[in-house]
Amino acid sequence: MLSALLVFIVQLAYVPVLTLRTIMMVKGMKERAAAMGMLEGLVYVLALGLVFSDLSNYLNMVAYALGFAVGLYIGAIIEEKLAIGYVTLEVNIPTRNQELIDRLRELGFSVSTSAVEGMSSTRYQLDCTARRDREKEFIRVVSDFEPAAFIVSFEPRSFKGGYITKAMKKRREKYLKKKKNTENA
């Protein structure tokens, strides 16, 4: 029973590391992915060693599978909290809502606007890029100003230059400083 508990705990460590390593590889973070891969390999060998040391102990095998499943769940939660990378958001709204555009820019989001042809009228599209950890904040702001907005988000593989690389960081820092000063007053 103790060995099955140990197998379960080792799997709880292994699978989140596996999840993060995979995400880092996909995001092009080669060095971090390699470091996570080394840790993953060590934990994997330890878990398999425990299971293979006694193949007649079915409890170890069940603990291995259960630990893998729970570890996947934990890994997904960790990845969601870390929100590594960027997201591109396309917002389709019925009118040019300058108040919304100004608010998004004030909060440090990049915003490009264009008039587009809808099915029966001219609509406005906002093209924005943000860090993934700010996606929910972005959607909340848009929803406050335009409850019926159509919002699509996707992850860009790479980008170069533009507003996001410099000004976005400066604007965010300015906004947080202003917010902190307001809260302290």
C-alpha atoms as a PDB file:
ATOM      1  CA  MET A   1       0.000   0.000   0.000  1.00  0.00           C
ATOM      2  CA  LEU A   2       2.838   2.394   0.837  1.00  0.00           C
ATOM      3  CA  SER A   3       4.527   1.754  -2.517  1.00  0.00           C
ATOM      4  CA  ALA A   4       1.245   2.496  -4.351  1.00  0.00           C
ATOM      5  CA  LEU A   5       0.947   5.803  -2.491  1.00  0.00           C
ATOM      6  CA  LEU A   6       4.532   6.639  -3.439  1.00  0.00           C
ATOM      7  CA  VAL A   7       3.844   5.790  -7.098  1.00  0.00           C
ATOM      8  CA  PHE A   8       0.769   8.047  -7.024  1.00  0.00           C
ATOM      9  CA  ILE A   9       2.737  10.953  -5.506  1.00  0.00           C
ATOM     10  CA  VAL A  10       5.589  10.556  -8.000  1.00  0.00           C
ATOM     11  CA  GLN A  11       3.070  10.639 -10.862  1.00  0.00           C
ATOM     12  CA  LEU A  12       1.585  13.833  -9.404  1.00  0.00           C
ATOM     13  CA  ALA A  13       5.030  15.387  -9.822  1.00  0.00           C
ATOM     14  CA  TYR A  14       5.799  13.822 -13.200  1.00  0.00           C
ATOM     15  CA  VAL A  15       2.726  14.697 -15.253  1.00  0.00           C
ATOM     16  CA  PRO A  16       2.578  18.452 -14.513  1.00  0.00           C
ATOM     17  CA  VAL A  17       6.270  18.647 -15.441  1.00  0.00           C
ATOM     18  CA  LEU A  18       5.462  16.747 -18.664  1.00  0.00           C
ATOM     19  CA  THR A  19       2.631  19.199 -19.414  1.00  0.00           C
ATOM     20  CA  LEU A  20       4.793  22.263 -18.826  1.00  0.00           C
ATOM     21  CA  ARG A  21       7.671  20.833 -20.862  1.00  0.00           C
ATOM     22  CA  THR A  22       5.345  20.215 -23.787  1.00  0.00           C
ATOM     23  CA  ILE A  23       3.940  23.741 -23.609  1.00  0.00           C
ATOM     24  CA  MET A  24       7.425  25.249 -23.440  1.00  0.00           C
ATOM     25  CA  MET A  25       8.468  23.260 -26.512  1.00  0.00           C
ATOM     26  CA  VAL A  26       5.436  24.452 -28.446  1.00  0.00           C
ATOM     27  CA  LYS A  27       6.122  28.057 -27.385  1.00  0.00           C
ATOM     28  CA  GLY A  28       9.745  27.814 -28.566  1.00  0.00           C
ATOM     29  CA  MET A  29      11.314  27.980 -25.083  1.00  0.00           C
ATOM     30  CA  LYS A  30      14.013  25.430 -25.902  1.00  0.00           C
ATOM     31  CA  GLU A  31      16.253  25.881 -22.858  1.00  0.00           C
ATOM     32  CA  ARG A  32      13.411  25.737 -20.347  1.00  0.00           C
ATOM     33  CA  ALA A  33      11.891  22.757 -22.152  1.00  0.00           C
ATOM     34  CA  ALA A  34      15.223  20.929 -21.992  1.00  0.00           C
ATOM     35  CA  ALA A  35      15.541  21.593 -18.247  1.00  0.00           C
ATOM     36  CA  MET A  36      11.979  20.411 -17.656  1.00  0.00           C
ATOM     37  CA  GLY A  37      12.713  17.360 -19.833  1.00  0.00           C
ATOM     38  CA  MET A  38      15.626  16.396 -17.628  1.00  0.00           C
ATOM     39  CA  LEU A  39      13.472  16.670 -14.501  1.00  0.00           C
ATOM     40  CA  GLU A  40      10.688  14.782 -16.263  1.00  0.00           C
ATOM     41  CA  GLY A  41      13.067  11.955 -17.192  1.00  0.00           C
ATOM     42  CA  LEU A  42      14.302  11.549 -13.629  1.00  0.00           C
ATOM     43  CA  VAL A  43      10.811  11.420 -12.154  1.00  0.00           C
ATOM     44  CA  TYR A  44       9.586   9.096 -14.937  1.00  0.00           C
ATOM     45  CA  VAL A  45      12.353   6.570 -14.321  1.00  0.00           C
ATOM     46  CA  LEU A  46      11.660   6.668 -10.586  1.00  0.00           C
ATOM     47  CA  ALA A  47       7.926   6.004 -11.088  1.00  0.00           C
ATOM     48  CA  LEU A  48       8.464   3.214 -13.609  1.00  0.00           C
ATOM     49  CA  GLY A  49      11.122   1.651 -11.397  1.00  0.00           C
ATOM     50  CA  LEU A  50       8.635   1.460  -8.553  1.00  0.00           C
ATOM     51  CA  VAL A  51       5.969  -0.129 -10.753  1.00  0.00           C
ATOM     52  CA  PHE A  52       8.327  -2.590 -12.478  1.00  0.00           C
ATOM     53  CA  SER A  53       9.938  -3.652  -9.207  1.00  0.00           C
ATOM     54  CA  ASP A  54       6.840  -5.737  -8.460  1.00  0.00           C
ATOM     55  CA  LEU A  55       4.645  -6.465 -11.495  1.00  0.00           C
ATOM     56  CA  SER A  56       2.344  -8.638  -9.382  1.00  0.00           C
ATOM     57  CA  ASN A  57       1.311  -5.562  -7.369  1.00  0.00           C
ATOM     58  CA  TYR A  58      -1.697  -4.324  -9.313  1.00  0.00           C
ATOM     59  CA  LEU A  59      -2.250  -1.558  -6.791  1.00  0.00           C
ATOM     60  CA  ASN A  60       0.970   0.103  -8.025  1.00  0.00           C
ATOM     61  CA  MET A  61      -0.312  -0.018 -11.607  1.00  0.00           C
ATOM     62  CA  VAL A  62      -3.652   1.506 -10.608  1.00  0.00           C
ATOM     63  CA  ALA A  63      -1.840   4.185  -8.592  1.00  0.00           C
ATOM     64  CA  TYR A  64       0.349   4.908 -11.630  1.00  0.00           C
ATOM     65  CA  ALA A  65      -2.683   5.374 -13.913  1.00  0.00           C
ATOM     66  CA  LEU A  66      -4.660   7.358 -11.329  1.00  0.00           C
ATOM     67  CA  GLY A  67      -1.643   9.556 -10.583  1.00  0.00           C
ATOM     68  CA  PHE A  68      -1.249  10.170 -14.324  1.00  0.00           C
ATOM     69  CA  ALA A  69      -4.893  11.277 -14.656  1.00  0.00           C
ATOM     70  CA  VAL A  70      -4.833  13.539 -11.600  1.00  0.00           C
ATOM     71  CA  GLY A  71      -1.427  14.872 -12.678  1.00  0.00           C
ATOM     72  CA  LEU A  72      -2.848  15.839 -16.086  1.00  0.00           C
ATOM     73  CA  TYR A  73      -5.615  17.763 -14.369  1.00  0.00           C
ATOM     74  CA  ILE A  74      -3.151  19.546 -12.084  1.00  0.00           C
ATOM     75  CA  GLY A  75      -0.853  20.267 -15.036  1.00  0.00           C
ATOM     76  CA  ALA A  76      -3.716  21.867 -16.951  1.00  0.00           C
ATOM     77  CA  ILE A  77      -4.574  24.064 -13.962  1.00  0.00           C
ATOM     78  CA  ILE A  78      -0.932  25.128 -13.586  1.00  0.00           C
ATOM     79  CA  GLU A  79      -0.678  25.929 -17.295  1.00  0.00           C
ATOM     80  CA  GLU A  80      -3.870  27.977 -17.148  1.00  0.00           C
ATOM     81  CA  LYS A  81      -2.552  29.954 -14.168  1.00  0.00           C
ATOM     82  CA  LEU A  82       0.830  30.579 -15.819  1.00  0.00           C
ATOM     83  CA  ALA A  83      -0.816  31.558 -19.129  1.00  0.00           C
ATOM     84  CA  ILE A  84       2.490  31.558 -21.003  1.00  0.00           C
ATOM     85  CA  GLY A  85       2.607  33.526 -24.238  1.00  0.00           C
ATOM     86  CA  TYR A  86       0.326  35.886 -26.100  1.00  0.00           C
ATOM     87  CA  VAL A  87      -3.146  35.825 -27.535  1.00  0.00           C
ATOM     88  CA  THR A  88      -4.534  37.666 -30.548  1.00  0.00           C
ATOM     89  CA  LEU A  89      -8.100  38.870 -30.147  1.00  0.00           C
ATOM     90  CA  GLU A  90     -10.476  39.959 -32.873  1.00  0.00           C
ATOM     91  CA  VAL A  91     -13.512  41.904 -31.705  1.00  0.00           C
ATOM     92  CA  ASN A  92     -16.432  42.624 -34.010  1.00  0.00           C
ATOM     93  CA  ILE A  93     -18.788  45.419 -32.852  1.00  0.00           C
ATOM     94  CA  PRO A  94     -21.690  47.225 -34.535  1.00  0.00           C
ATOM     95  CA  THR A  95     -20.337  50.783 -34.166  1.00  0.00           C
ATOM     96  CA  ARG A  96     -16.988  52.432 -33.682  1.00  0.00           C
ATOM     97  CA  ASN A  97     -16.947  52.596 -29.904  1.00  0.00           C
ATOM     98  CA  GLN A  98     -14.206  55.134 -29.216  1.00  0.00           C
ATOM     99  CA  GLU A  99     -14.769  54.917 -25.472  1.00  0.00           C
ATOM    100  CA  LEU A 100     -14.002  51.175 -25.587  1.00  0.00           C
ATOM    101  CA  ILE A 101     -10.962  51.689 -27.822  1.00  0.00           C
ATOM    102  CA  ASP A 102      -9.592  54.382 -25.487  1.00  0.00           C
ATOM    103  CA  ARG A 103     -10.176  52.230 -22.408  1.00  0.00           C
ATOM    104  CA  LEU A 104      -8.397  49.235 -23.926  1.00  0.00           C
ATOM    105  CA  ARG A 105      -5.429  51.410 -24.882  1.00  0.00           C
ATOM    106  CA  GLU A 106      -5.399  53.008 -21.439  1.00  0.00           C
ATOM    107  CA  LEU A 107      -5.123  49.527 -19.943  1.00  0.00           C
ATOM    108  CA  GLY A 108      -2.122  48.786 -22.163  1.00  0.00           C
ATOM    109  CA  PHE A 109      -3.738  46.654 -24.844  1.00  0.00           C
ATOM    110  CA  SER A 110      -2.756  47.134 -28.454  1.00  0.00           C
ATOM    111  CA  VAL A 111      -5.761  48.071 -30.581  1.00  0.00           C
ATOM    112  CA  SER A 112      -5.986  48.458 -34.358  1.00  0.00           C
ATOM    113  CA  THR A 113      -9.370  49.298 -35.830  1.00  0.00           C
ATOM    114  CA  SER A 114     -10.963  48.884 -39.221  1.00  0.00           C
ATOM    115  CA  ALA A 115     -14.388  49.113 -40.798  1.00  0.00           C
ATOM    116  CA  VAL A 116     -15.506  45.762 -42.196  1.00  0.00           C
ATOM    117  CA  GLU A 117     -18.483  44.596 -44.195  1.00  0.00           C
ATOM    118  CA  GLY A 118     -20.943  42.598 -42.145  1.00  0.00           C
ATOM    119  CA  MET A 119     -23.821  40.600 -43.565  1.00  0.00           C
ATOM    120  CA  SER A 120     -26.156  43.608 -43.660  1.00  0.00           C
ATOM    121  CA  SER A 121     -24.139  46.598 -42.452  1.00  0.00           C
ATOM    122  CA  THR A 122     -20.740  48.085 -41.857  1.00  0.00           C
ATOM    123  CA  ARG A 123     -19.250  46.855 -38.589  1.00  0.00           C
ATOM    124  CA  TYR A 124     -16.002  47.607 -36.800  1.00  0.00           C
ATOM    125  CA  GLN A 125     -13.246  45.185 -36.051  1.00  0.00           C
ATOM    126  CA  LEU A 126     -10.692  45.646 -33.305  1.00  0.00           C
ATOM    127  CA  ASP A 127      -7.487  43.643 -33.714  1.00  0.00           C
ATOM    128  CA  CYS A 128      -5.636  43.299 -30.457  1.00  0.00           C
ATOM    129  CA  THR A 129      -2.738  41.365 -28.971  1.00  0.00           C
ATOM    130  CA  ALA A 130      -2.246  40.724 -25.273  1.00  0.00           C
ATOM    131  CA  ARG A 131      -0.400  38.470 -22.878  1.00  0.00           C
ATOM    132  CA  ARG A 132      -2.445  35.327 -22.256  1.00  0.00           C
ATOM    133  CA  ASP A 133      -2.719  36.100 -18.564  1.00  0.00           C
ATOM    134  CA  ARG A 134      -4.722  39.224 -19.482  1.00  0.00           C
ATOM    135  CA  GLU A 135      -7.177  37.593 -21.915  1.00  0.00           C
ATOM    136  CA  LYS A 136     -10.031  37.348 -19.392  1.00  0.00           C
ATOM    137  CA  GLU A 137      -9.479  40.965 -18.345  1.00  0.00           C
ATOM    138  CA  PHE A 138      -9.660  42.033 -22.004  1.00  0.00           C
ATOM    139  CA  ILE A 139     -12.887  40.108 -22.609  1.00  0.00           C
ATOM    140  CA  ARG A 140     -14.421  41.533 -19.433  1.00  0.00           C
ATOM    141  CA  VAL A 141     -13.633  45.126 -20.500  1.00  0.00           C
ATOM    142  CA  VAL A 142     -15.033  44.584 -23.996  1.00  0.00           C
ATOM    143  CA  SER A 143     -18.156  42.932 -22.560  1.00  0.00           C
ATOM    144  CA  ASP A 144     -18.726  45.882 -20.216  1.00  0.00           C
ATOM    145  CA  PHE A 145     -18.716  48.315 -23.158  1.00  0.00           C
ATOM    146  CA  GLU A 146     -20.194  46.035 -25.847  1.00  0.00           C
ATOM    147  CA  PRO A 147     -22.192  43.130 -24.349  1.00  0.00           C
ATOM    148  CA  ALA A 148     -23.078  41.776 -27.818  1.00  0.00           C
ATOM    149  CA  ALA A 149     -19.520  41.924 -29.172  1.00  0.00           C
ATOM    150  CA  PHE A 150     -18.276  38.917 -31.136  1.00  0.00           C
ATOM    151  CA  ILE A 151     -14.828  38.033 -29.767  1.00  0.00           C
ATOM    152  CA  VAL A 152     -12.434  35.450 -31.196  1.00  0.00           C
ATOM    153  CA  SER A 153      -9.060  34.670 -29.675  1.00  0.00           C
ATOM    154  CA  PHE A 154      -6.178  32.577 -30.922  1.00  0.00           C
ATOM    155  CA  GLU A 155      -2.521  32.155 -30.099  1.00  0.00           C
ATOM    156  CA  PRO A 156       0.012  33.610 -32.513  1.00  0.00           C
ATOM    157  CA  ARG A 157       3.054  31.430 -33.135  1.00  0.00           C
ATOM    158  CA  SER A 158       5.335  34.449 -33.497  1.00  0.00           C
ATOM    159  CA  PHE A 159       5.305  38.160 -34.193  1.00  0.00           C
ATOM    160  CA  LYS A 160       7.876  40.864 -34.792  1.00  0.00           C
ATOM    161  CA  GLY A 161       7.920  44.567 -34.024  1.00  0.00           C
ATOM    162  CA  GLY A 162       4.872  46.727 -33.610  1.00  0.00           C
ATOM    163  CA  TYR A 163       3.209  48.207 -30.619  1.00  0.00           C
ATOM    164  CA  ILE A 164       3.246  45.113 -28.480  1.00  0.00           C
ATOM    165  CA  THR A 165       6.977  44.732 -28.102  1.00  0.00           C
ATOM    166  CA  LYS A 166       7.647  48.041 -26.329  1.00  0.00           C
ATOM    167  CA  ALA A 167       4.708  50.302 -25.622  1.00  0.00           C
ATOM    168  CA  MET A 168       2.436  47.601 -24.235  1.00  0.00           C
ATOM    169  CA  LYS A 169       4.786  46.952 -21.329  1.00  0.00           C
ATOM    170  CA  LYS A 170       5.221  50.675 -20.620  1.00  0.00           C
ATOM    171  CA  ARG A 171       1.480  51.340 -20.740  1.00  0.00           C
ATOM    172  CA  ARG A 172       0.753  48.443 -18.388  1.00  0.00           C
ATOM    173  CA  GLU A 173       3.340  49.694 -15.879  1.00  0.00           C
ATOM    174  CA  LYS A 174       1.886  53.205 -16.078  1.00  0.00           C
ATOM    175  CA  TYR A 175      -1.637  51.871 -15.549  1.00  0.00           C
ATOM    176  CA  LEU A 176      -0.621  49.748 -12.540  1.00  0.00           C
ATOM    177  CA  LYS A 177       1.233  52.692 -10.981  1.00  0.00           C
ATOM    178  CA  LYS A 178      -1.790  54.937 -11.488  1.00  0.00           C
ATOM    179  CA  LYS A 179      -4.099  52.269 -10.044  1.00  0.00           C
ATOM    180  CA  LYS A 180      -1.855  51.821  -7.004  1.00  0.00           C
ATOM    181  CA  ASN A 181      -1.739  55.577  -6.378  1.00  0.00           C
ATOM    182  CA  THR A 182      -5.538  55.766  -6.636  1.00  0.00           C
ATOM    183  CA  GLU A 183      -5.961  52.920  -4.148  1.00  0.00           C
ATOM    184  CA  ASN A 184      -3.525  54.515  -1.688  1.00  0.00           C
ATOM    185  CA  ALA A 185      -5.268  57.904  -1.840  1.00  0.00           C
END
